[in-house]
PDB file of N, CA and C in Angstrom:
ATOM      1  N   MET A   1       6.616  10.674  -8.693  1.00  0.00           N
ATOM      2  CA  MET A   1       5.169  10.919  -8.088  1.00  0.00           C
ATOM      3  C   MET A   1       5.293   9.277  -7.400  1.00  0.00           C
ATOM      4  N   ILE A   2       4.919   9.173  -6.147  1.00  0.00           N
ATOM      5  CA  ILE A   2       4.248   7.967  -5.478  1.00  0.00           C
ATOM      6  C   ILE A   2       2.797   7.890  -6.178  1.00  0.00           C
ATOM      7  N   ARG A   3       2.523   6.224  -7.017  1.00  0.00           N
ATOM      8  CA  ARG A   3       1.444   5.833  -7.615  1.00  0.00           C
ATOM      9  C   ARG A   3       0.665   4.768  -6.174  1.00  0.00           C
ATOM     10  N   ALA A   4      -0.547   5.024  -5.594  1.00  0.00           N
ATOM     11  CA  ALA A   4      -0.890   4.043  -4.584  1.00  0.00           C
ATOM     12  C   ALA A   4      -2.277   3.671  -5.017  1.00  0.00           C
ATOM     13  N   GLU A   5      -2.077   2.380  -5.483  1.00  0.00           N
ATOM     14  CA  GLU A   5      -3.777   2.229  -6.380  1.00  0.00           C
ATOM     15  C   GLU A   5      -4.405   0.980  -5.094  1.00  0.00           C
ATOM     16  N   VAL A   6      -5.225   1.064  -4.643  1.00  0.00           N
ATOM     17  CA  VAL A   6      -6.220  -0.086  -3.652  1.00  0.00           C
ATOM     18  C   VAL A   6      -7.419  -0.231  -4.660  1.00  0.00           C
ATOM     19  N   VAL A   7      -7.574  -1.717  -4.743  1.00  0.00           N
ATOM     20  CA  VAL A   7      -8.837  -2.224  -5.164  1.00  0.00           C
ATOM     21  C   VAL A   7      -9.771  -2.994  -4.132  1.00  0.00           C
ATOM     22  N   ARG A   8     -10.277  -2.896  -4.134  1.00  0.00           N
ATOM     23  CA  ARG A   8     -11.549  -3.370  -3.482  1.00  0.00           C
ATOM     24  C   ARG A   8     -12.685  -4.575  -4.142  1.00  0.00           C
ATOM     25  N   ARG A   9     -13.384  -5.272  -3.116  1.00  0.00           N
ATOM     26  CA  ARG A   9     -13.913  -6.472  -3.735  1.00  0.00           C
ATOM     27  C   ARG A   9     -15.146  -7.182  -2.723  1.00  0.00           C
ATOM     28  N   GLY A  10     -16.596  -6.630  -2.658  1.00  0.00           N
ATOM     29  CA  GLY A  10     -17.140  -6.801  -1.647  1.00  0.00           C
ATOM     30  C   GLY A  10     -16.632  -5.804  -0.275  1.00  0.00           C
ATOM     31  N   GLY A  11     -16.647  -5.167  -0.632  1.00  0.00           N
ATOM     32  CA  GLY A  11     -15.505  -4.073   0.283  1.00  0.00           C
ATOM     33  C   GLY A  11     -14.300  -4.693   1.030  1.00  0.00           C
ATOM     34  N   ARG A  12     -14.268  -5.658   1.045  1.00  0.00           N
ATOM     35  CA  ARG A  12     -12.398  -5.837   0.990  1.00  0.00           C
ATOM     36  C   ARG A  12     -11.964  -5.195   0.165  1.00  0.00           C
ATOM     37  N   ILE A  13     -10.247  -4.660   0.535  1.00  0.00           N
ATOM     38  CA  ILE A  13      -8.641  -5.222  -0.264  1.00  0.00           C
ATOM     39  C   ILE A  13      -8.585  -6.301  -0.608  1.00  0.00           C
ATOM     40  N   VAL A  14      -8.070  -6.194  -1.797  1.00  0.00           N
ATOM     41  CA  VAL A  14      -7.984  -7.816  -2.772  1.00  0.00           C
ATOM     42  C   VAL A  14      -6.801  -7.312  -3.405  1.00  0.00           C
ATOM     43  N   ARG A  15      -6.076  -5.576  -3.645  1.00  0.00           N
ATOM     44  CA  ARG A  15      -4.832  -5.735  -4.162  1.00  0.00           C
ATOM     45  C   ARG A  15      -4.577  -4.616  -3.319  1.00  0.00           C
ATOM     46  N   LEU A  16      -3.318  -3.924  -3.408  1.00  0.00           N
ATOM     47  CA  LEU A  16      -2.000  -2.942  -2.982  1.00  0.00           C
ATOM     48  C   LEU A  16      -0.787  -2.854  -3.765  1.00  0.00           C
ATOM     49  N   HIS A  17      -1.207  -1.777  -4.265  1.00  0.00           N
ATOM     50  CA  HIS A  17       0.196  -1.389  -5.239  1.00  0.00           C
ATOM     51  C   HIS A  17       0.514  -0.292  -5.446  1.00  0.00           C
ATOM     52  N   VAL A  18       1.772  -0.016  -4.974  1.00  0.00           N
ATOM     53  CA  VAL A  18       2.077   1.154  -4.932  1.00  0.00           C
ATOM     54  C   VAL A  18       4.063   1.311  -5.251  1.00  0.00           C
ATOM     55  N   HIS A  19       3.820   2.522  -6.007  1.00  0.00           N
ATOM     56  CA  HIS A  19       5.449   2.230  -6.665  1.00  0.00           C
ATOM     57  C   HIS A  19       5.421   3.608  -6.868  1.00  0.00           C
ATOM     58  N   GLY A  20       6.737   3.905  -7.124  1.00  0.00           N
ATOM     59  CA  GLY A  20       7.429   5.120  -8.064  1.00  0.00           C
ATOM     60  C   GLY A  20       8.121   5.892  -6.938  1.00  0.00           C
ATOM     61  N   HIS A  21       8.596   7.278  -6.774  1.00  0.00           N
ATOM     62  CA  HIS A  21       9.436   7.686  -6.083  1.00  0.00           C
ATOM     63  C   HIS A  21       8.734   9.004  -5.721  1.00  0.00           C
ATOM     64  N   ALA A  22       8.311  10.038  -4.690  1.00  0.00           N
ATOM     65  CA  ALA A  22       7.591  11.114  -4.452  1.00  0.00           C
ATOM     66  C   ALA A  22       8.557  12.153  -5.001  1.00  0.00           C
ATOM     67  N   GLY A  23       9.852  12.472  -5.098  1.00  0.00           N
ATOM     68  CA  GLY A  23      10.715  13.515  -5.457  1.00  0.00           C
ATOM     69  C   GLY A  23      10.735  14.505  -4.869  1.00  0.00           C
ATOM     70  N   THR A  24      10.477  14.807  -3.808  1.00  0.00           N
ATOM     71  CA  THR A  24      10.486  16.158  -3.190  1.00  0.00           C
ATOM     72  C   THR A  24      11.683  16.433  -2.320  1.00  0.00           C
ATOM     73  N   ALA A  25      12.562  15.472  -2.525  1.00  0.00           N
ATOM     74  CA  ALA A  25      14.383  15.838  -1.877  1.00  0.00           C
ATOM     75  C   ALA A  25      14.924  14.437  -2.888  1.00  0.00           C
ATOM     76  N   PRO A  26      16.204  14.929  -3.036  1.00  0.00           N
ATOM     77  CA  PRO A  26      17.279  13.874  -3.254  1.00  0.00           C
ATOM     78  C   PRO A  26      16.945  12.130  -3.274  1.00  0.00           C
ATOM     79  N   TYR A  27      17.157  11.533  -4.314  1.00  0.00           N
ATOM     80  CA  TYR A  27      17.374  10.090  -3.636  1.00  0.00           C
ATOM     81  C   TYR A  27      17.616   9.780  -2.352  1.00  0.00           C
ATOM     82  N   GLY A  28      16.971   9.201  -1.364  1.00  0.00           N
ATOM     83  CA  GLY A  28      17.863   8.219  -0.155  1.00  0.00           C
ATOM     84  C   GLY A  28      17.483   9.405   0.741  1.00  0.00           C
ATOM     85  N   GLN A  29      17.607  10.762   0.468  1.00  0.00           N
ATOM     86  CA  GLN A  29      17.149  11.625   1.423  1.00  0.00           C
ATOM     87  C   GLN A  29      15.616  12.087   2.067  1.00  0.00           C
ATOM     88  N   ASP A  30      14.629  11.261   0.643  1.00  0.00           N
ATOM     89  CA  ASP A  30      13.151  12.002   0.765  1.00  0.00           C
ATOM     90  C   ASP A  30      12.625  11.638   1.758  1.00  0.00           C
ATOM     91  N   LEU A  31      12.033  12.059   2.401  1.00  0.00           N
ATOM     92  CA  LEU A  31      11.615  11.465   3.690  1.00  0.00           C
ATOM     93  C   LEU A  31       9.848  11.294   3.535  1.00  0.00           C
ATOM     94  N   VAL A  32       9.304  11.794   2.722  1.00  0.00           N
ATOM     95  CA  VAL A  32       7.716  11.157   2.220  1.00  0.00           C
ATOM     96  C   VAL A  32       8.192   9.695   1.648  1.00  0.00           C
ATOM     97  N   CYS A  33       9.383   9.548   0.988  1.00  0.00           N
ATOM     98  CA  CYS A  33       9.626   8.233   0.562  1.00  0.00           C
ATOM     99  C   CYS A  33       9.354   7.507   1.490  1.00  0.00           C
ATOM    100  N   ALA A  34      10.242   7.450   2.338  1.00  0.00           N
ATOM    101  CA  ALA A  34      10.665   6.911   3.208  1.00  0.00           C
ATOM    102  C   ALA A  34       9.579   6.115   4.692  1.00  0.00           C
ATOM    103  N   ALA A  35       8.653   6.937   4.551  1.00  0.00           N
ATOM    104  CA  ALA A  35       7.296   6.868   5.314  1.00  0.00           C
ATOM    105  C   ALA A  35       6.845   6.020   4.257  1.00  0.00           C
ATOM    106  N   MET A  36       6.666   6.549   3.200  1.00  0.00           N
ATOM    107  CA  MET A  36       5.501   4.950   2.585  1.00  0.00           C
ATOM    108  C   MET A  36       6.327   4.327   2.607  1.00  0.00           C
ATOM    109  N   SER A  37       7.684   3.748   2.165  1.00  0.00           N
ATOM    110  CA  SER A  37       8.399   2.610   2.126  1.00  0.00           C
ATOM    111  C   SER A  37       8.006   1.902   3.440  1.00  0.00           C
ATOM    112  N   ALA A  38       8.179   2.232   4.407  1.00  0.00           N
ATOM    113  CA  ALA A  38       8.557   1.959   5.976  1.00  0.00           C
ATOM    114  C   ALA A  38       6.637   1.637   6.074  1.00  0.00           C
ATOM    115  N   LEU A  39       5.490   2.210   5.828  1.00  0.00           N
ATOM    116  CA  LEU A  39       4.506   1.989   6.583  1.00  0.00           C
ATOM    117  C   LEU A  39       3.964   0.450   5.284  1.00  0.00           C
ATOM    118  N   VAL A  40       4.089   0.828   3.787  1.00  0.00           N
ATOM    119  CA  VAL A  40       4.243  -0.400   2.513  1.00  0.00           C
ATOM    120  C   VAL A  40       4.876  -1.473   3.449  1.00  0.00           C
ATOM    121  N   GLN A  41       5.749  -1.018   3.639  1.00  0.00           N
ATOM    122  CA  GLN A  41       6.429  -2.592   3.193  1.00  0.00           C
ATOM    123  C   GLN A  41       6.356  -3.710   4.806  1.00  0.00           C
ATOM    124  N   THR A  42       6.288  -2.767   6.094  1.00  0.00           N
ATOM    125  CA  THR A  42       5.377  -3.134   6.955  1.00  0.00           C
ATOM    126  C   THR A  42       4.280  -4.045   6.801  1.00  0.00           C
ATOM    127  N   ALA A  43       3.548  -3.603   6.441  1.00  0.00           N
ATOM    128  CA  ALA A  43       2.208  -4.120   6.052  1.00  0.00           C
ATOM    129  C   ALA A  43       2.330  -5.465   5.313  1.00  0.00           C
ATOM    130  N   ALA A  44       3.150  -5.566   4.242  1.00  0.00           N
ATOM    131  CA  ALA A  44       3.596  -6.599   3.321  1.00  0.00           C
ATOM    132  C   ALA A  44       4.074  -7.623   4.730  1.00  0.00           C
ATOM    133  N   LEU A  45       5.338  -7.345   5.572  1.00  0.00           N
ATOM    134  CA  LEU A  45       5.512  -7.881   6.266  1.00  0.00           C
ATOM    135  C   LEU A  45       4.369  -8.506   7.488  1.00  0.00           C
ATOM    136  N   GLY A  46       3.499  -7.866   7.283  1.00  0.00           N
ATOM    137  CA  GLY A  46       2.879  -8.246   8.550  1.00  0.00           C
ATOM    138  C   GLY A  46       1.621  -9.276   8.096  1.00  0.00           C
ATOM    139  N   LEU A  47       1.655  -9.090   6.848  1.00  0.00           N
ATOM    140  CA  LEU A  47       0.701  -9.901   5.814  1.00  0.00           C
ATOM    141  C   LEU A  47       1.537 -11.206   5.659  1.00  0.00           C
ATOM    142  N   GLY A  48       2.636 -11.207   5.675  1.00  0.00           N
ATOM    143  CA  GLY A  48       3.452 -12.322   5.260  1.00  0.00           C
ATOM    144  C   GLY A  48       3.632 -13.239   7.055  1.00  0.00           C
ATOM    145  N   ARG A  49       3.512 -12.479   7.772  1.00  0.00           N
ATOM    146  CA  ARG A  49       4.215 -13.048   8.762  1.00  0.00           C
ATOM    147  C   ARG A  49       2.437 -13.276   9.741  1.00  0.00           C
ATOM    148  N   LEU A  50       1.959 -12.919   9.999  1.00  0.00           N
ATOM    149  CA  LEU A  50       0.324 -12.562  10.433  1.00  0.00           C
ATOM    150  C   LEU A  50      -0.766 -12.718  10.012  1.00  0.00           C
ATOM    151  N   ASP A  51      -0.996 -13.426   8.568  1.00  0.00           N
ATOM    152  CA  ASP A  51      -2.266 -13.988   8.271  1.00  0.00           C
ATOM    153  C   ASP A  51      -1.679 -14.947   7.247  1.00  0.00           C
ATOM    154  N   PRO A  52      -1.708 -16.554   7.788  1.00  0.00           N
ATOM    155  CA  PRO A  52      -1.571 -17.279   6.904  1.00  0.00           C
ATOM    156  C   PRO A  52      -2.381 -17.218   5.580  1.00  0.00           C
ATOM    157  N   GLU A  53      -3.649 -16.622   5.379  1.00  0.00           N
ATOM    158  CA  GLU A  53      -4.610 -16.654   4.163  1.00  0.00           C
ATOM    159  C   GLU A  53      -3.932 -15.418   3.111  1.00  0.00           C
ATOM    160  N   ALA A  54      -3.419 -15.030   3.620  1.00  0.00           N
ATOM    161  CA  ALA A  54      -2.882 -13.876   2.504  1.00  0.00           C
ATOM    162  C   ALA A  54      -1.392 -13.984   1.469  1.00  0.00           C
ATOM    163  N   ALA A  55      -1.550 -14.026   0.525  1.00  0.00           N
ATOM    164  CA  ALA A  55      -0.698 -14.394  -0.707  1.00  0.00           C
ATOM    165  C   ALA A  55       0.527 -13.035  -0.794  1.00  0.00           C
ATOM    166  N   ALA A  56       1.791 -13.700  -0.868  1.00  0.00           N
ATOM    167  CA  ALA A  56       2.403 -13.391  -0.828  1.00  0.00           C
ATOM    168  C   ALA A  56       3.264 -11.539  -1.315  1.00  0.00           C
ATOM    169  N   ALA A  57       3.609 -10.808  -0.725  1.00  0.00           N
ATOM    170  CA  ALA A  57       3.907  -9.605  -1.261  1.00  0.00           C
ATOM    171  C   ALA A  57       4.812  -9.561  -2.196  1.00  0.00           C
ATOM    172  N   ARG A  58       5.265  -8.806  -3.424  1.00  0.00           N
ATOM    173  CA  ARG A  58       6.088  -8.682  -4.119  1.00  0.00           C
ATOM    174  C   ARG A  58       6.961  -7.135  -3.445  1.00  0.00           C
ATOM    175  N   VAL A  59       8.275  -7.296  -3.242  1.00  0.00           N
ATOM    176  CA  VAL A  59       8.548  -5.771  -2.438  1.00  0.00           C
ATOM    177  C   VAL A  59      10.042  -5.764  -3.789  1.00  0.00           C
ATOM    178  N   ARG A  60       9.877  -4.684  -3.757  1.00  0.00           N
ATOM    179  CA  ARG A  60      11.074  -4.169  -4.944  1.00  0.00           C
ATOM    180  C   ARG A  60      11.289  -2.793  -4.699  1.00  0.00           C
ATOM    181  N   ASP A  61      12.906  -2.223  -5.193  1.00  0.00           N
ATOM    182  CA  ASP A  61      13.021  -1.021  -4.774  1.00  0.00           C
ATOM    183  C   ASP A  61      11.785  -0.161  -5.406  1.00  0.00           C
ATOM    184  N   GLY A  62      11.156   0.451  -5.263  1.00  0.00           N
ATOM    185  CA  GLY A  62       9.870   1.590  -5.215  1.00  0.00           C
ATOM    186  C   GLY A  62       8.866   0.741  -5.760  1.00  0.00           C
ATOM    187  N   ASP A  63       8.514  -0.697  -5.504  1.00  0.00           N
ATOM    188  CA  ASP A  63       7.540  -0.885  -5.952  1.00  0.00           C
ATOM    189  C   ASP A  63       7.169  -2.105  -4.925  1.00  0.00           C
ATOM    190  N   VAL A  64       6.052  -1.760  -4.300  1.00  0.00           N
ATOM    191  CA  VAL A  64       5.515  -2.970  -3.861  1.00  0.00           C
ATOM    192  C   VAL A  64       4.069  -3.946  -4.265  1.00  0.00           C
ATOM    193  N   LEU A  65       3.624  -4.630  -4.218  1.00  0.00           N
ATOM    194  CA  LEU A  65       2.567  -5.013  -4.901  1.00  0.00           C
ATOM    195  C   LEU A  65       2.177  -6.617  -4.025  1.00  0.00           C
ATOM    196  N   TRP A  66       0.513  -6.078  -3.712  1.00  0.00           N
ATOM    197  CA  TRP A  66       0.136  -7.382  -3.142  1.00  0.00           C
ATOM    198  C   TRP A  66      -1.413  -7.326  -3.451  1.00  0.00           C
ATOM    199  N   GLN A  67      -1.456  -8.480  -3.974  1.00  0.00           N
ATOM    200  CA  GLN A  67      -3.110  -9.060  -4.491  1.00  0.00           C
ATOM    201  C   GLN A  67      -3.564 -10.180  -3.989  1.00  0.00           C
ATOM    202  N   GLY A  68      -4.606 -10.854  -3.414  1.00  0.00           N
ATOM    203  CA  GLY A  68      -5.089 -12.235  -3.409  1.00  0.00           C
ATOM    204  C   GLY A  68      -6.195 -12.065  -2.626  1.00  0.00           C
ATOM    205  N   GLU A  69      -5.968 -12.959  -1.156  1.00  0.00           N
ATOM    206  CA  GLU A  69      -7.070 -12.950  -0.605  1.00  0.00           C
ATOM    207  C   GLU A  69      -6.850 -12.857   0.691  1.00  0.00           C
ATOM    208  N   SER A  70      -6.779 -12.819   1.874  1.00  0.00           N
ATOM    209  CA  SER A  70      -6.354 -12.291   2.926  1.00  0.00           C
ATOM    210  C   SER A  70      -7.614 -12.898   3.816  1.00  0.00           C
ATOM    211  N   GLY A  71      -7.149 -13.202   5.138  1.00  0.00           N
ATOM    212  CA  GLY A  71      -8.474 -13.184   6.342  1.00  0.00           C
ATOM    213  C   GLY A  71      -8.650 -12.018   7.450  1.00  0.00           C
ATOM    214  N   GLU A  72      -9.309 -12.135   8.356  1.00  0.00           N
ATOM    215  CA  GLU A  72      -9.759 -11.097   8.949  1.00  0.00           C
ATOM    216  C   GLU A  72      -8.596 -10.058   9.224  1.00  0.00           C
ATOM    217  N   ALA A  73      -7.481 -11.034  10.035  1.00  0.00           N
ATOM    218  CA  ALA A  73      -6.429 -10.114  10.540  1.00  0.00           C
ATOM    219  C   ALA A  73      -5.450  -9.290   9.071  1.00  0.00           C
ATOM    220  N   GLY A  74      -5.939  -9.866   7.784  1.00  0.00           N
ATOM    221  CA  GLY A  74      -4.876  -9.353   6.596  1.00  0.00           C
ATOM    222  C   GLY A  74      -5.492  -7.487   6.448  1.00  0.00           C
ATOM    223  N   GLN A  75      -6.693  -7.876   6.523  1.00  0.00           N
ATOM    224  CA  GLN A  75      -7.798  -6.811   5.983  1.00  0.00           C
ATOM    225  C   GLN A  75      -7.359  -5.889   7.225  1.00  0.00           C
ATOM    226  N   VAL A  76      -7.174  -6.303   8.353  1.00  0.00           N
ATOM    227  CA  VAL A  76      -7.130  -5.003   9.617  1.00  0.00           C
ATOM    228  C   VAL A  76      -5.648  -4.498   8.849  1.00  0.00           C
ATOM    229  N   ILE A  77      -5.020  -5.011   8.630  1.00  0.00           N
ATOM    230  CA  ILE A  77      -3.323  -4.122   8.179  1.00  0.00           C
ATOM    231  C   ILE A  77      -3.861  -3.971   7.294  1.00  0.00           C
ATOM    232  N   LEU A  78      -3.914  -4.222   6.160  1.00  0.00           N
ATOM    233  CA  LEU A  78      -4.422  -3.791   4.498  1.00  0.00           C
ATOM    234  C   LEU A  78      -5.313  -2.104   5.216  1.00  0.00           C
ATOM    235  N   GLU A  79      -6.319  -2.588   5.757  1.00  0.00           N
ATOM    236  CA  GLU A  79      -7.078  -1.388   6.109  1.00  0.00           C
ATOM    237  C   GLU A  79      -6.132  -0.390   6.651  1.00  0.00           C
ATOM    238  N   THR A  80      -5.224  -0.382   7.861  1.00  0.00           N
ATOM    239  CA  THR A  80      -4.518   0.080   8.501  1.00  0.00           C
ATOM    240  C   THR A  80      -3.957   0.916   7.518  1.00  0.00           C
ATOM    241  N   CYS A  81      -2.805   0.701   6.980  1.00  0.00           N
ATOM    242  CA  CYS A  81      -2.107   0.819   5.693  1.00  0.00           C
ATOM    243  C   CYS A  81      -2.677   1.757   5.041  1.00  0.00           C
ATOM    244  N   LEU A  82      -4.409   1.584   4.439  1.00  0.00           N
ATOM    245  CA  LEU A  82      -4.451   2.751   3.793  1.00  0.00           C
ATOM    246  C   LEU A  82      -4.883   3.911   4.427  1.00  0.00           C
ATOM    247  N   LEU A  83      -5.281   3.783   5.623  1.00  0.00           N
ATOM    248  CA  LEU A  83      -5.670   5.017   6.656  1.00  0.00           C
ATOM    249  C   LEU A  83      -3.846   5.748   6.549  1.00  0.00           C
ATOM    250  N   GLY A  84      -3.172   4.878   6.389  1.00  0.00           N
ATOM    251  CA  GLY A  84      -1.851   5.964   6.841  1.00  0.00           C
ATOM    252  C   GLY A  84      -1.279   6.755   5.157  1.00  0.00           C
ATOM    253  N   ILE A  85      -1.852   5.528   4.272  1.00  0.00           N
ATOM    254  CA  ILE A  85      -1.475   6.388   2.718  1.00  0.00           C
ATOM    255  C   ILE A  85      -2.544   7.684   2.884  1.00  0.00           C
ATOM    256  N   GLN A  86      -3.837   7.146   3.108  1.00  0.00           N
ATOM    257  CA  GLN A  86      -4.482   8.456   3.269  1.00  0.00           C
ATOM    258  C   GLN A  86      -4.174   9.775   3.871  1.00  0.00           C
ATOM    259  N   ASP A  87      -4.073   9.674   5.009  1.00  0.00           N
ATOM    260  CA  ASP A  87      -3.023  10.738   5.681  1.00  0.00           C
ATOM    261  C   ASP A  87      -1.636  10.979   5.315  1.00  0.00           C
ATOM    262  N   ILE A  88      -0.944  10.401   4.500  1.00  0.00           N
ATOM    263  CA  ILE A  88       0.420  10.990   3.997  1.00  0.00           C
ATOM    264  C   ILE A  88      -0.356  11.550   2.762  1.00  0.00           C
ATOM    265  N   SER A  89      -0.599  11.042   1.641  1.00  0.00           N
ATOM    266  CA  SER A  89      -1.448  11.338   1.071  1.00  0.00           C
ATOM    267  C   SER A  89      -2.018  12.879   1.137  1.00  0.00           C
ATOM    268  N   GLU A  90      -2.958  13.895   1.845  1.00  0.00           N
ATOM    269  CA  GLU A  90      -2.777  14.678   2.214  1.00  0.00           C
ATOM    270  C   GLU A  90      -2.522  15.553   2.683  1.00  0.00           C
ATOM    271  N   SER A  91      -1.434  15.140   3.317  1.00  0.00           N
ATOM    272  CA  SER A  91      -0.475  16.245   3.706  1.00  0.00           C
ATOM    273  C   SER A  91       0.608  16.438   2.552  1.00  0.00           C
ATOM    274  N   TYR A  92       0.816  15.265   1.525  1.00  0.00           N
ATOM    275  CA  TYR A  92       1.558  15.563   0.566  1.00  0.00           C
ATOM    276  C   TYR A  92       0.749  15.364  -0.780  1.00  0.00           C
ATOM    277  N   PRO A  93      -0.090  16.306  -1.598  1.00  0.00           N
ATOM    278  CA  PRO A  93      -0.588  15.986  -2.430  1.00  0.00           C
ATOM    279  C   PRO A  93      -0.080  16.178  -3.982  1.00  0.00           C
ATOM    280  N   GLY A  94       0.636  16.365  -3.709  1.00  0.00           N
ATOM    281  CA  GLY A  94       1.679  16.711  -5.086  1.00  0.00           C
ATOM    282  C   GLY A  94       2.981  15.617  -5.087  1.00  0.00           C
ATOM    283  N   ALA A  95       3.065  14.727  -4.042  1.00  0.00           N
ATOM    284  CA  ALA A  95       3.932  13.854  -4.322  1.00  0.00           C
ATOM    285  C   ALA A  95       3.279  12.503  -4.446  1.00  0.00           C
ATOM    286  N   ILE A  96       1.918  12.103  -3.965  1.00  0.00           N
ATOM    287  CA  ILE A  96       1.274  11.072  -3.977  1.00  0.00           C
ATOM    288  C   ILE A  96      -0.327  10.903  -4.783  1.00  0.00           C
ATOM    289  N   ALA A  97      -0.232  10.208  -5.574  1.00  0.00           N
ATOM    290  CA  ALA A  97      -1.863   9.962  -6.040  1.00  0.00           C
ATOM    291  C   ALA A  97      -2.411   8.455  -5.777  1.00  0.00           C
ATOM    292  N   LEU A  98      -3.247   8.477  -5.060  1.00  0.00           N
ATOM    293  CA  LEU A  98      -3.959   7.989  -4.417  1.00  0.00           C
ATOM    294  C   LEU A  98      -5.309   7.221  -4.889  1.00  0.00           C
ATOM    295  N   SER A  99      -5.751   6.061  -5.743  1.00  0.00           N
ATOM    296  CA  SER A  99      -6.747   6.015  -6.322  1.00  0.00           C
ATOM    297  C   SER A  99      -7.383   4.123  -5.598  1.00  0.00           C
ATOM    298  N   VAL A 100      -8.490   4.809  -4.875  1.00  0.00           N
ATOM    299  CA  VAL A 100      -9.637   3.626  -4.758  1.00  0.00           C
ATOM    300  C   VAL A 100     -10.587   2.816  -5.496  1.00  0.00           C
ATOM    301  N   LYS A 101     -10.615   2.091  -5.639  1.00  0.00           N
ATOM    302  CA  LYS A 101     -11.357   1.218  -7.085  1.00  0.00           C
ATOM    303  C   LYS A 101     -12.323   0.055  -6.188  1.00  0.00           C
ATOM    304  N   GLU A 102     -13.031  -0.080  -5.919  1.00  0.00           N
ATOM    305  CA  GLU A 102     -14.295  -0.875  -5.992  1.00  0.00           C
ATOM    306  C   GLU A 102     -14.948  -1.923  -6.921  1.00  0.00           C
ATOM    307  N   GLU A 103     -14.350  -3.150  -7.717  1.00  0.00           N
ATOM    308  CA  GLU A 103     -14.783  -3.799  -8.501  1.00  0.00           C
ATOM    309  C   GLU A 103     -15.515  -4.658  -7.932  1.00  0.00           C
ATOM    310  N   GLU A 104     -16.335  -5.420  -9.233  1.00  0.00           N
ATOM    311  CA  GLU A 104     -17.747  -6.412  -8.956  1.00  0.00           C
ATOM    312  C   GLU A 104     -16.993  -7.374  -8.872  1.00  0.00           C
ATOM    313  N   ASN A 105     -17.823  -7.913  -7.549  1.00  0.00           N
ATOM    314  CA  ASN A 105     -17.260 -10.088  -7.804  1.00  0.00           C
ATOM    315  C   ASN A 105     -17.723 -10.493  -8.556  1.00  0.00           C
ATOM    316  N   THR A 106     -16.476 -11.353  -8.668  1.00  0.00           N
ATOM    317  CA  THR A 106     -16.654 -12.380  -9.791  1.00  0.00           C
ATOM    318  C   THR A 106     -16.877 -13.663  -9.873  1.00  0.00           C
TER     319      THR A 106
END
């Protein structure tokens, strides 16, 4: 199962962690994994190239982690990524678990 965790602080996304594999087809042939991977890795690429305020994302096989602060461009990228994750998770609820939490400002 793919686990997608989003943390907000003050309404802004400050953490996006997506890890695991969907398990809907053999490794290398799983379209759900491919869709999630393309979506999240494109968001990580966009953050790195289009938002100088955004921290770098860690991208490894089956594991993408971004956390920190971002500017407005970064928030648009993160919100768009979250919309995509929500849509895919609604279509494949047994393959993707999505958690969105609001943290208190510290």
